[in-house]
Amino acid sequence: MDTNFSDDFEVKGKFSIKKTSTKYKGKLTKEEGKQLLIQEKEKLRELQEKLYADGSQSLLVVLQAMDAAGKDSLVEHVFGGVNPQGCHVTSFKTPSSKEYSHDFLWRHYLALPQKGMIGIFNRSHYESVLVCKVHPEYNLSEKTWDSVKDFDDKFWENRYESIRNFEKHLSQNGTTVVKIFLNVSKDEQKKRFLDRINEQEKNWKFSLGDLPERALFDEYMKCYETAINETSKDHAPWYVLPADDKWFARVAAIQIIIDTLEKMNLKYPKLSKKDRLELQEAKKQLESE
């Protein structure tokens, strides 16, 4: 690629959501982007096979966004060409009673990709410093806290520290973490909500519960900004993608994922001398049949 979306959209230094565009302003056209995505999907498929064969590392892709930002369709269009045996998607909903009976990271540990695999978190451990910060009363379900008054600045700093430690631990033990925030505008979200209402085949996507959350859009943006600033590290970087144009977000995301895999220095296993000799012997037996 002539462009480098990894460098363009990686959070480096202080991040300001108000100064970050939700629209792509480059020279790539939509048609060029669609063709590029097709080409890059083949490259991703090859890298995923290499990751699986290497078997010593894993990749965790964290996707976060507001409703209707395009997380589900990004997973479909970016990962649609990889071998499903080497890729697993986990969509995190409201925790169950069993999950609430553990610490907030427990269910995320259970969903981590094993070595050789790509894991995708569609929403993630960051919900604990996003929706649970906008609605602090949700934290009371953990049964550890007595009142929303417990959720002071120190409480949230402890949450960010837990997340930083979690991701650092993963990076030190063979799991590369890449985090993508699909930055959609409030106007574009409104348009997509209306599309879901007006187009019958999309009606199932719309929930009346989306509207109260939309009313808190600006508050969510503040939480995203803080979370990204608190947790974007070299070993677990955040990439903030303009998501008003879905086609572009997909192209940028796949390049970021490809670049990340290429930096992992993956290698196909090399056979020992003994194994090579046995392979040649097997070849002779097959050819003599």
C-alpha atoms as a PDB file:
ATOM      1  CA  MET A   1       0.000   0.000   0.000  1.00  0.00           C
ATOM      2  CA  ASP A   2       1.133   3.541  -0.696  1.00  0.00           C
ATOM      3  CA  THR A   3      -0.644   4.761   2.429  1.00  0.00           C
ATOM      4  CA  ASN A   4       0.137   3.676   5.953  1.00  0.00           C
ATOM      5  CA  PHE A   5      -3.045   3.597   7.976  1.00  0.00           C
ATOM      6  CA  SER A   6      -1.274   2.081  10.969  1.00  0.00           C
ATOM      7  CA  ASP A   7       0.838   5.201  11.400  1.00  0.00           C
ATOM      8  CA  ASP A   8      -1.984   7.539  10.423  1.00  0.00           C
ATOM      9  CA  PHE A   9      -4.434   6.348  13.065  1.00  0.00           C
ATOM     10  CA  GLU A  10      -2.346   5.020  15.952  1.00  0.00           C
ATOM     11  CA  VAL A  11      -2.820   7.064  19.117  1.00  0.00           C
ATOM     12  CA  LYS A  12       0.490   8.655  20.023  1.00  0.00           C
ATOM     13  CA  GLY A  13       0.645  11.212  22.776  1.00  0.00           C
ATOM     14  CA  LYS A  14      -2.409  13.014  24.112  1.00  0.00           C
ATOM     15  CA  PHE A  15      -5.627  12.010  22.346  1.00  0.00           C
ATOM     16  CA  SER A  16      -8.483  14.486  21.865  1.00  0.00           C
ATOM     17  CA  ILE A  17     -11.716  13.074  20.490  1.00  0.00           C
ATOM     18  CA  LYS A  18     -13.007  16.533  19.504  1.00  0.00           C
ATOM     19  CA  LYS A  19      -9.955  17.071  17.305  1.00  0.00           C
ATOM     20  CA  THR A  20     -10.293  13.671  15.641  1.00  0.00           C
ATOM     21  CA  SER A  21     -12.301  13.470  12.422  1.00  0.00           C
ATOM     22  CA  THR A  22     -14.995  10.849  11.947  1.00  0.00           C
ATOM     23  CA  LYS A  23     -14.682  11.202   8.166  1.00  0.00           C
ATOM     24  CA  TYR A  24     -11.951   9.920   5.880  1.00  0.00           C
ATOM     25  CA  LYS A  25     -10.272  12.843   4.106  1.00  0.00           C
ATOM     26  CA  GLY A  26      -7.683  11.027   1.990  1.00  0.00           C
ATOM     27  CA  LYS A  27      -7.436  10.380  -1.739  1.00  0.00           C
ATOM     28  CA  LEU A  28      -8.522   6.739  -1.778  1.00  0.00           C
ATOM     29  CA  THR A  29     -11.886   6.329  -3.524  1.00  0.00           C
ATOM     30  CA  LYS A  30     -14.629   3.998  -2.382  1.00  0.00           C
ATOM     31  CA  GLU A  31     -14.178   1.768  -5.430  1.00  0.00           C
ATOM     32  CA  GLU A  32     -10.411   1.637  -4.919  1.00  0.00           C
ATOM     33  CA  GLY A  33     -11.023   0.820  -1.275  1.00  0.00           C
ATOM     34  CA  LYS A  34     -13.291  -2.098  -2.130  1.00  0.00           C
ATOM     35  CA  GLN A  35     -10.723  -3.549  -4.527  1.00  0.00           C
ATOM     36  CA  LEU A  36      -7.967  -3.036  -1.979  1.00  0.00           C
ATOM     37  CA  LEU A  37      -9.971  -4.864   0.656  1.00  0.00           C
ATOM     38  CA  ILE A  38     -10.282  -7.899  -1.629  1.00  0.00           C
ATOM     39  CA  GLN A  39      -6.511  -7.967  -2.136  1.00  0.00           C
ATOM     40  CA  GLU A  40      -5.725  -7.479   1.532  1.00  0.00           C
ATOM     41  CA  LYS A  41      -8.104 -10.253   2.600  1.00  0.00           C
ATOM     42  CA  GLU A  42      -5.938 -12.733   0.716  1.00  0.00           C
ATOM     43  CA  LYS A  43      -2.844 -11.423   2.492  1.00  0.00           C
ATOM     44  CA  LEU A  44      -4.623 -11.711   5.851  1.00  0.00           C
ATOM     45  CA  ARG A  45      -5.617 -15.289   5.057  1.00  0.00           C
ATOM     46  CA  GLU A  46      -1.982 -16.179   4.361  1.00  0.00           C
ATOM     47  CA  LEU A  47      -0.769 -14.519   7.549  1.00  0.00           C
ATOM     48  CA  GLN A  48      -3.420 -16.260   9.610  1.00  0.00           C
ATOM     49  CA  GLU A  49      -2.270 -19.617   8.230  1.00  0.00           C
ATOM     50  CA  LYS A  50       1.307 -18.698   9.138  1.00  0.00           C
ATOM     51  CA  LEU A  51       0.207 -17.699  12.668  1.00  0.00           C
ATOM     52  CA  TYR A  52      -1.529 -21.068  13.042  1.00  0.00           C
ATOM     53  CA  ALA A  53       1.475 -22.994  11.721  1.00  0.00           C
ATOM     54  CA  ASP A  54       3.924 -21.045  13.890  1.00  0.00           C
ATOM     55  CA  GLY A  55       1.871 -21.891  16.976  1.00  0.00           C
ATOM     56  CA  SER A  56       3.884 -19.780  19.416  1.00  0.00           C
ATOM     57  CA  GLN A  57       1.833 -16.580  19.468  1.00  0.00           C
ATOM     58  CA  SER A  58      -1.741 -15.311  19.253  1.00  0.00           C
ATOM     59  CA  LEU A  59      -3.422 -12.083  18.210  1.00  0.00           C
ATOM     60  CA  LEU A  60      -6.220 -10.333  20.092  1.00  0.00           C
ATOM     61  CA  VAL A  61      -8.189  -7.695  18.175  1.00  0.00           C
ATOM     62  CA  VAL A  62     -10.343  -5.489  20.406  1.00  0.00           C
ATOM     63  CA  LEU A  63     -13.191  -3.611  18.694  1.00  0.00           C
ATOM     64  CA  GLN A  64     -14.983  -0.797  20.495  1.00  0.00           C
ATOM     65  CA  ALA A  65     -17.544   1.685  19.209  1.00  0.00           C
ATOM     66  CA  MET A  66     -20.908   3.273  19.760  1.00  0.00           C
ATOM     67  CA  ASP A  67     -24.041   1.523  18.494  1.00  0.00           C
ATOM     68  CA  ALA A  68     -24.337   1.438  14.680  1.00  0.00           C
ATOM     69  CA  ALA A  69     -20.663   2.296  14.161  1.00  0.00           C
ATOM     70  CA  GLY A  70     -20.107  -0.855  12.092  1.00  0.00           C
ATOM     71  CA  LYS A  71     -18.374  -3.369  14.377  1.00  0.00           C
ATOM     72  CA  ASP A  72     -20.366  -6.390  13.196  1.00  0.00           C
ATOM     73  CA  SER A  73     -20.011  -5.596   9.503  1.00  0.00           C
ATOM     74  CA  LEU A  74     -16.300  -4.908   9.950  1.00  0.00           C
ATOM     75  CA  VAL A  75     -15.808  -8.377  11.417  1.00  0.00           C
ATOM     76  CA  GLU A  76     -17.728  -9.858   8.476  1.00  0.00           C
ATOM     77  CA  HIS A  77     -15.894  -7.954   5.742  1.00  0.00           C
ATOM     78  CA  VAL A  78     -12.382  -8.023   7.214  1.00  0.00           C
ATOM     79  CA  PHE A  79     -12.274 -11.578   8.558  1.00  0.00           C
ATOM     80  CA  GLY A  80     -14.661 -13.193   6.078  1.00  0.00           C
ATOM     81  CA  GLY A  81     -11.806 -14.805   4.152  1.00  0.00           C
ATOM     82  CA  VAL A  82      -9.831 -16.389   6.969  1.00  0.00           C
ATOM     83  CA  ASN A  83     -10.028 -20.023   8.031  1.00  0.00           C
ATOM     84  CA  PRO A  84     -12.760 -20.155  10.703  1.00  0.00           C
ATOM     85  CA  GLN A  85     -10.777 -22.838  12.545  1.00  0.00           C
ATOM     86  CA  GLY A  86      -8.105 -20.252  13.319  1.00  0.00           C
ATOM     87  CA  CYS A  87     -10.311 -17.336  14.304  1.00  0.00           C
ATOM     88  CA  HIS A  88     -12.826 -16.857  17.097  1.00  0.00           C
ATOM     89  CA  VAL A  89     -15.198 -13.925  17.733  1.00  0.00           C
ATOM     90  CA  THR A  90     -16.593 -13.170  21.179  1.00  0.00           C
ATOM     91  CA  SER A  91     -19.369 -10.588  21.535  1.00  0.00           C
ATOM     92  CA  PHE A  92     -19.635  -9.399  25.106  1.00  0.00           C
ATOM     93  CA  LYS A  93     -23.122  -8.567  26.328  1.00  0.00           C
ATOM     94  CA  THR A  94     -24.351  -7.687  29.822  1.00  0.00           C
ATOM     95  CA  PRO A  95     -22.544 -10.014  32.256  1.00  0.00           C
ATOM     96  CA  SER A  96     -24.435 -13.032  33.551  1.00  0.00           C
ATOM     97  CA  SER A  97     -24.930 -13.684  37.272  1.00  0.00           C
ATOM     98  CA  LYS A  98     -22.056 -16.162  37.118  1.00  0.00           C
ATOM     99  CA  GLU A  99     -19.799 -13.594  35.465  1.00  0.00           C
ATOM    100  CA  TYR A 100     -20.777 -10.976  38.043  1.00  0.00           C
ATOM    101  CA  SER A 101     -19.698 -13.406  40.749  1.00  0.00           C
ATOM    102  CA  HIS A 102     -16.088 -13.018  39.524  1.00  0.00           C
ATOM    103  CA  ASP A 103     -13.889  -9.976  38.951  1.00  0.00           C
ATOM    104  CA  PHE A 104     -14.644  -7.873  35.863  1.00  0.00           C
ATOM    105  CA  LEU A 105     -11.783  -9.350  33.820  1.00  0.00           C
ATOM    106  CA  TRP A 106     -12.592 -13.014  34.486  1.00  0.00           C
ATOM    107  CA  ARG A 107     -14.881 -13.622  31.503  1.00  0.00           C
ATOM    108  CA  HIS A 108     -12.373 -11.964  29.193  1.00  0.00           C
ATOM    109  CA  TYR A 109      -9.593 -14.287  30.292  1.00  0.00           C
ATOM    110  CA  LEU A 110     -11.828 -17.221  29.378  1.00  0.00           C
ATOM    111  CA  ALA A 111     -12.282 -15.886  25.839  1.00  0.00           C
ATOM    112  CA  LEU A 112      -8.619 -15.205  25.058  1.00  0.00           C
ATOM    113  CA  PRO A 113      -7.231 -16.825  21.887  1.00  0.00           C
ATOM    114  CA  GLN A 114      -4.942 -19.776  22.309  1.00  0.00           C
ATOM    115  CA  LYS A 115      -1.573 -19.757  20.586  1.00  0.00           C
ATOM    116  CA  GLY A 116      -1.862 -19.892  16.814  1.00  0.00           C
ATOM    117  CA  MET A 117      -5.283 -18.211  16.866  1.00  0.00           C
ATOM    118  CA  ILE A 118      -6.815 -14.812  16.184  1.00  0.00           C
ATOM    119  CA  GLY A 119      -9.317 -13.721  18.815  1.00  0.00           C
ATOM    120  CA  ILE A 120     -11.751 -10.869  18.203  1.00  0.00           C
ATOM    121  CA  PHE A 121     -13.493  -9.093  21.057  1.00  0.00           C
ATOM    122  CA  ASN A 122     -16.635  -7.366  19.771  1.00  0.00           C
ATOM    123  CA  ARG A 123     -16.907  -5.037  22.754  1.00  0.00           C
ATOM    124  CA  SER A 124     -14.573  -6.031  25.530  1.00  0.00           C
ATOM    125  CA  HIS A 125     -13.168  -5.427  29.003  1.00  0.00           C
ATOM    126  CA  TYR A 126     -13.376  -1.725  28.138  1.00  0.00           C
ATOM    127  CA  GLU A 127     -17.119  -1.773  28.748  1.00  0.00           C
ATOM    128  CA  SER A 128     -16.205  -1.646  32.439  1.00  0.00           C
ATOM    129  CA  VAL A 129     -14.792   1.871  31.966  1.00  0.00           C
ATOM    130  CA  LEU A 130     -17.325   2.962  29.336  1.00  0.00           C
ATOM    131  CA  VAL A 131     -20.948   1.915  29.869  1.00  0.00           C
ATOM    132  CA  CYS A 132     -20.215   1.191  33.537  1.00  0.00           C
ATOM    133  CA  LYS A 133     -18.763   4.668  33.950  1.00  0.00           C
ATOM    134  CA  VAL A 134     -21.733   6.317  32.252  1.00  0.00           C
ATOM    135  CA  HIS A 135     -24.013   4.116  34.388  1.00  0.00           C
ATOM    136  CA  PRO A 136     -21.984   3.562  37.577  1.00  0.00           C
ATOM    137  CA  GLU A 137     -24.917   1.821  39.236  1.00  0.00           C
ATOM    138  CA  TYR A 138     -24.202  -1.186  37.003  1.00  0.00           C
ATOM    139  CA  ASN A 139     -21.076  -1.862  39.061  1.00  0.00           C
ATOM    140  CA  LEU A 140     -23.225  -2.642  42.087  1.00  0.00           C
ATOM    141  CA  SER A 141     -24.087  -5.969  40.427  1.00  0.00           C
ATOM    142  CA  GLU A 142     -20.562  -7.099  41.273  1.00  0.00           C
ATOM    143  CA  LYS A 143     -21.761  -7.192  44.921  1.00  0.00           C
ATOM    144  CA  THR A 144     -18.448  -5.781  46.105  1.00  0.00           C
ATOM    145  CA  TRP A 145     -19.561  -2.186  46.481  1.00  0.00           C
ATOM    146  CA  ASP A 146     -22.175  -0.688  48.768  1.00  0.00           C
ATOM    147  CA  SER A 147     -23.069   2.510  46.947  1.00  0.00           C
ATOM    148  CA  VAL A 148     -22.418   4.486  43.762  1.00  0.00           C
ATOM    149  CA  LYS A 149     -20.501   6.841  46.061  1.00  0.00           C
ATOM    150  CA  ASP A 150     -17.776   4.176  46.061  1.00  0.00           C
ATOM    151  CA  PHE A 151     -17.084   4.870  42.398  1.00  0.00           C
ATOM    152  CA  ASP A 152     -14.765   7.818  42.836  1.00  0.00           C
ATOM    153  CA  ASP A 153     -11.647   8.826  40.896  1.00  0.00           C
ATOM    154  CA  LYS A 154      -9.568   6.229  42.740  1.00  0.00           C
ATOM    155  CA  PHE A 155     -11.990   3.468  41.745  1.00  0.00           C
ATOM    156  CA  TRP A 156     -11.669   4.347  38.060  1.00  0.00           C
ATOM    157  CA  GLU A 157      -7.911   4.691  38.230  1.00  0.00           C
ATOM    158  CA  ASN A 158      -7.788   1.176  39.686  1.00  0.00           C
ATOM    159  CA  ARG A 159      -9.885  -0.067  36.761  1.00  0.00           C
ATOM    160  CA  TYR A 160      -7.540   1.502  34.205  1.00  0.00           C
ATOM    161  CA  GLU A 161      -4.568   0.050  36.066  1.00  0.00           C
ATOM    162  CA  SER A 162      -6.160  -3.413  36.013  1.00  0.00           C
ATOM    163  CA  ILE A 163      -6.702  -3.129  32.260  1.00  0.00           C
ATOM    164  CA  ARG A 164      -3.145  -1.924  31.669  1.00  0.00           C
ATOM    165  CA  ASN A 165      -1.758  -4.791  33.740  1.00  0.00           C
ATOM    166  CA  PHE A 166      -4.020  -7.300  31.969  1.00  0.00           C
ATOM    167  CA  GLU A 167      -2.845  -6.218  28.527  1.00  0.00           C
ATOM    168  CA  LYS A 168       0.791  -6.015  29.587  1.00  0.00           C
ATOM    169  CA  HIS A 169       0.566  -9.551  30.953  1.00  0.00           C
ATOM    170  CA  LEU A 170      -0.866 -10.755  27.638  1.00  0.00           C
ATOM    171  CA  SER A 171       1.858  -9.052  25.613  1.00  0.00           C
ATOM    172  CA  GLN A 172       4.554 -10.619  27.810  1.00  0.00           C
ATOM    173  CA  ASN A 173       3.109 -14.078  27.313  1.00  0.00           C
ATOM    174  CA  GLY A 174       2.702 -14.406  23.562  1.00  0.00           C
ATOM    175  CA  THR A 175      -0.533 -12.520  22.823  1.00  0.00           C
ATOM    176  CA  THR A 176      -0.253  -9.379  20.718  1.00  0.00           C
ATOM    177  CA  VAL A 177      -3.038  -6.906  21.451  1.00  0.00           C
ATOM    178  CA  VAL A 178      -4.384  -4.406  18.923  1.00  0.00           C
ATOM    179  CA  LYS A 179      -7.317  -2.140  19.831  1.00  0.00           C
ATOM    180  CA  ILE A 180      -9.536  -0.382  17.306  1.00  0.00           C
ATOM    181  CA  PHE A 181     -12.082   2.331  18.081  1.00  0.00           C
ATOM    182  CA  LEU A 182     -14.558   3.037  15.279  1.00  0.00           C
ATOM    183  CA  ASN A 183     -15.141   6.746  15.638  1.00  0.00           C
ATOM    184  CA  VAL A 184     -18.616   7.475  14.261  1.00  0.00           C
ATOM    185  CA  SER A 185     -20.293  10.883  14.442  1.00  0.00           C
ATOM    186  CA  LYS A 186     -23.596  11.491  16.175  1.00  0.00           C
ATOM    187  CA  ASP A 187     -25.135  12.598  12.858  1.00  0.00           C
ATOM    188  CA  GLU A 188     -24.027   9.419  11.107  1.00  0.00           C
ATOM    189  CA  GLN A 189     -25.343   7.292  13.953  1.00  0.00           C
ATOM    190  CA  LYS A 190     -28.730   9.017  13.579  1.00  0.00           C
ATOM    191  CA  LYS A 191     -28.728   8.260   9.842  1.00  0.00           C
ATOM    192  CA  ARG A 192     -27.960   4.586  10.452  1.00  0.00           C
ATOM    193  CA  PHE A 193     -30.645   4.298  13.121  1.00  0.00           C
ATOM    194  CA  LEU A 194     -33.176   5.783  10.705  1.00  0.00           C
ATOM    195  CA  ASP A 195     -32.041   3.325   8.011  1.00  0.00           C
ATOM    196  CA  ARG A 196     -32.738   0.481  10.428  1.00  0.00           C
ATOM    197  CA  ILE A 197     -36.243   1.791  10.971  1.00  0.00           C
ATOM    198  CA  ASN A 198     -37.017   2.648   7.343  1.00  0.00           C
ATOM    199  CA  GLU A 199     -35.611  -0.507   5.737  1.00  0.00           C
ATOM    200  CA  GLN A 200     -37.691  -3.516   6.712  1.00  0.00           C
ATOM    201  CA  GLU A 201     -34.852  -6.004   6.394  1.00  0.00           C
ATOM    202  CA  LYS A 202     -32.897  -3.960   8.955  1.00  0.00           C
ATOM    203  CA  ASN A 203     -35.708  -3.536  11.489  1.00  0.00           C
ATOM    204  CA  TRP A 204     -34.348  -6.352  13.642  1.00  0.00           C
ATOM    205  CA  LYS A 205     -31.149  -4.335  14.233  1.00  0.00           C
ATOM    206  CA  PHE A 206     -32.941  -1.472  15.943  1.00  0.00           C
ATOM    207  CA  SER A 207     -33.762  -1.417  19.633  1.00  0.00           C
ATOM    208  CA  LEU A 208     -35.650   1.292  21.494  1.00  0.00           C
ATOM    209  CA  GLY A 209     -32.973   0.918  24.145  1.00  0.00           C
ATOM    210  CA  ASP A 210     -30.507   2.504  21.717  1.00  0.00           C
ATOM    211  CA  LEU A 211     -32.161   5.921  22.083  1.00  0.00           C
ATOM    212  CA  PRO A 212     -31.491   6.535  25.799  1.00  0.00           C
ATOM    213  CA  GLU A 213     -27.833   5.634  25.180  1.00  0.00           C
ATOM    214  CA  ARG A 214     -27.711   7.972  22.185  1.00  0.00           C
ATOM    215  CA  ALA A 215     -28.857  10.794  24.462  1.00  0.00           C
ATOM    216  CA  LEU A 216     -25.634  10.187  26.427  1.00  0.00           C
ATOM    217  CA  PHE A 217     -23.426  10.289  23.319  1.00  0.00           C
ATOM    218  CA  ASP A 218     -21.232  13.170  24.521  1.00  0.00           C
ATOM    219  CA  GLU A 219     -20.718  11.527  27.896  1.00  0.00           C
ATOM    220  CA  TYR A 220     -19.637   8.320  26.180  1.00  0.00           C
ATOM    221  CA  MET A 221     -17.153  10.284  24.074  1.00  0.00           C
ATOM    222  CA  LYS A 222     -15.539  11.671  27.234  1.00  0.00           C
ATOM    223  CA  CYS A 223     -15.242   8.137  28.603  1.00  0.00           C
ATOM    224  CA  TYR A 224     -13.685   6.875  25.371  1.00  0.00           C
ATOM    225  CA  GLU A 225     -11.195   9.716  25.348  1.00  0.00           C
ATOM    226  CA  THR A 226     -10.119   9.022  28.918  1.00  0.00           C
ATOM    227  CA  ALA A 227      -9.932   5.250  28.426  1.00  0.00           C
ATOM    228  CA  ILE A 228      -7.835   5.578  25.277  1.00  0.00           C
ATOM    229  CA  ASN A 229      -5.444   8.054  26.903  1.00  0.00           C
ATOM    230  CA  GLU A 230      -5.108   5.832  29.976  1.00  0.00           C
ATOM    231  CA  THR A 231      -4.458   2.570  28.127  1.00  0.00           C
ATOM    232  CA  SER A 232      -2.810   3.194  24.749  1.00  0.00           C
ATOM    233  CA  LYS A 233       0.651   1.680  25.129  1.00  0.00           C
ATOM    234  CA  ASP A 234       3.334   0.471  22.728  1.00  0.00           C
ATOM    235  CA  HIS A 235       2.516  -3.139  23.626  1.00  0.00           C
ATOM    236  CA  ALA A 236      -1.260  -2.557  23.306  1.00  0.00           C
ATOM    237  CA  PRO A 237      -1.881   0.440  21.034  1.00  0.00           C
ATOM    238  CA  TRP A 238      -5.193   2.086  20.238  1.00  0.00           C
ATOM    239  CA  TYR A 239      -6.120   2.966  16.659  1.00  0.00           C
ATOM    240  CA  VAL A 240      -8.936   5.479  16.188  1.00  0.00           C
ATOM    241  CA  LEU A 241     -10.524   5.064  12.759  1.00  0.00           C
ATOM    242  CA  PRO A 242     -12.908   7.504  11.064  1.00  0.00           C
ATOM    243  CA  ALA A 243     -16.032   5.336  10.784  1.00  0.00           C
ATOM    244  CA  ASP A 244     -18.597   7.510   9.014  1.00  0.00           C
ATOM    245  CA  ASP A 245     -17.519   5.692   5.829  1.00  0.00           C
ATOM    246  CA  LYS A 246     -17.751   1.977   6.581  1.00  0.00           C
ATOM    247  CA  TRP A 247     -15.783   0.970   3.496  1.00  0.00           C
ATOM    248  CA  PHE A 248     -12.800   3.002   4.647  1.00  0.00           C
ATOM    249  CA  ALA A 249     -12.878   1.777   8.245  1.00  0.00           C
ATOM    250  CA  ARG A 250     -12.678  -1.781   6.918  1.00  0.00           C
ATOM    251  CA  VAL A 251      -9.681  -1.041   4.685  1.00  0.00           C
ATOM    252  CA  ALA A 252      -7.838   0.767   7.456  1.00  0.00           C
ATOM    253  CA  ALA A 253      -8.596  -1.981   9.984  1.00  0.00           C
ATOM    254  CA  ILE A 254      -7.370  -4.805   7.761  1.00  0.00           C
ATOM    255  CA  GLN A 255      -4.103  -2.994   7.064  1.00  0.00           C
ATOM    256  CA  ILE A 256      -3.542  -2.398  10.778  1.00  0.00           C
ATOM    257  CA  ILE A 257      -4.161  -6.088  11.483  1.00  0.00           C
ATOM    258  CA  ILE A 258      -1.880  -7.169   8.637  1.00  0.00           C
ATOM    259  CA  ASP A 259       0.882  -4.823   9.789  1.00  0.00           C
ATOM    260  CA  THR A 260       0.553  -6.191  13.321  1.00  0.00           C
ATOM    261  CA  LEU A 261       0.839  -9.799  12.154  1.00  0.00           C
ATOM    262  CA  GLU A 262       3.840  -8.990   9.974  1.00  0.00           C
ATOM    263  CA  LYS A 263       5.639  -7.461  12.965  1.00  0.00           C
ATOM    264  CA  MET A 264       5.157 -10.689  14.925  1.00  0.00           C
ATOM    265  CA  ASN A 265       7.946 -12.351  12.911  1.00  0.00           C
ATOM    266  CA  LEU A 266       5.934 -15.493  12.294  1.00  0.00           C
ATOM    267  CA  LYS A 267       7.677 -18.539  10.840  1.00  0.00           C
ATOM    268  CA  TYR A 268       6.640 -21.859   9.414  1.00  0.00           C
ATOM    269  CA  PRO A 269       8.047 -24.742  11.479  1.00  0.00           C
ATOM    270  CA  LYS A 270      11.328 -26.207  10.252  1.00  0.00           C
ATOM    271  CA  LEU A 271      11.673 -29.974  10.222  1.00  0.00           C
ATOM    272  CA  SER A 272      14.600 -31.636  11.904  1.00  0.00           C
ATOM    273  CA  LYS A 273      17.009 -33.743   9.855  1.00  0.00           C
ATOM    274  CA  LYS A 274      15.337 -36.878  11.208  1.00  0.00           C
ATOM    275  CA  ASP A 275      11.876 -35.593  10.234  1.00  0.00           C
ATOM    276  CA  ARG A 276      13.062 -34.684   6.731  1.00  0.00           C
ATOM    277  CA  LEU A 277      14.450 -38.174   6.226  1.00  0.00           C
ATOM    278  CA  GLU A 278      11.169 -39.688   7.398  1.00  0.00           C
ATOM    279  CA  LEU A 279       9.307 -37.379   5.028  1.00  0.00           C
ATOM    280  CA  GLN A 280      11.381 -38.595   2.085  1.00  0.00           C
ATOM    281  CA  GLU A 281      10.787 -42.180   3.126  1.00  0.00           C
ATOM    282  CA  ALA A 282       7.042 -41.529   3.234  1.00  0.00           C
ATOM    283  CA  LYS A 283       7.249 -40.010  -0.235  1.00  0.00           C
ATOM    284  CA  LYS A 284       8.995 -43.116  -1.596  1.00  0.00           C
ATOM    285  CA  GLN A 285       6.357 -45.391  -0.104  1.00  0.00           C
ATOM    286  CA  LEU A 286       3.508 -43.353  -1.572  1.00  0.00           C
ATOM    287  CA  GLU A 287       5.106 -43.145  -5.013  1.00  0.00           C
ATOM    288  CA  SER A 288       5.733 -46.890  -5.051  1.00  0.00           C
ATOM    289  CA  GLU A 289       2.078 -47.788  -4.537  1.00  0.00           C
END
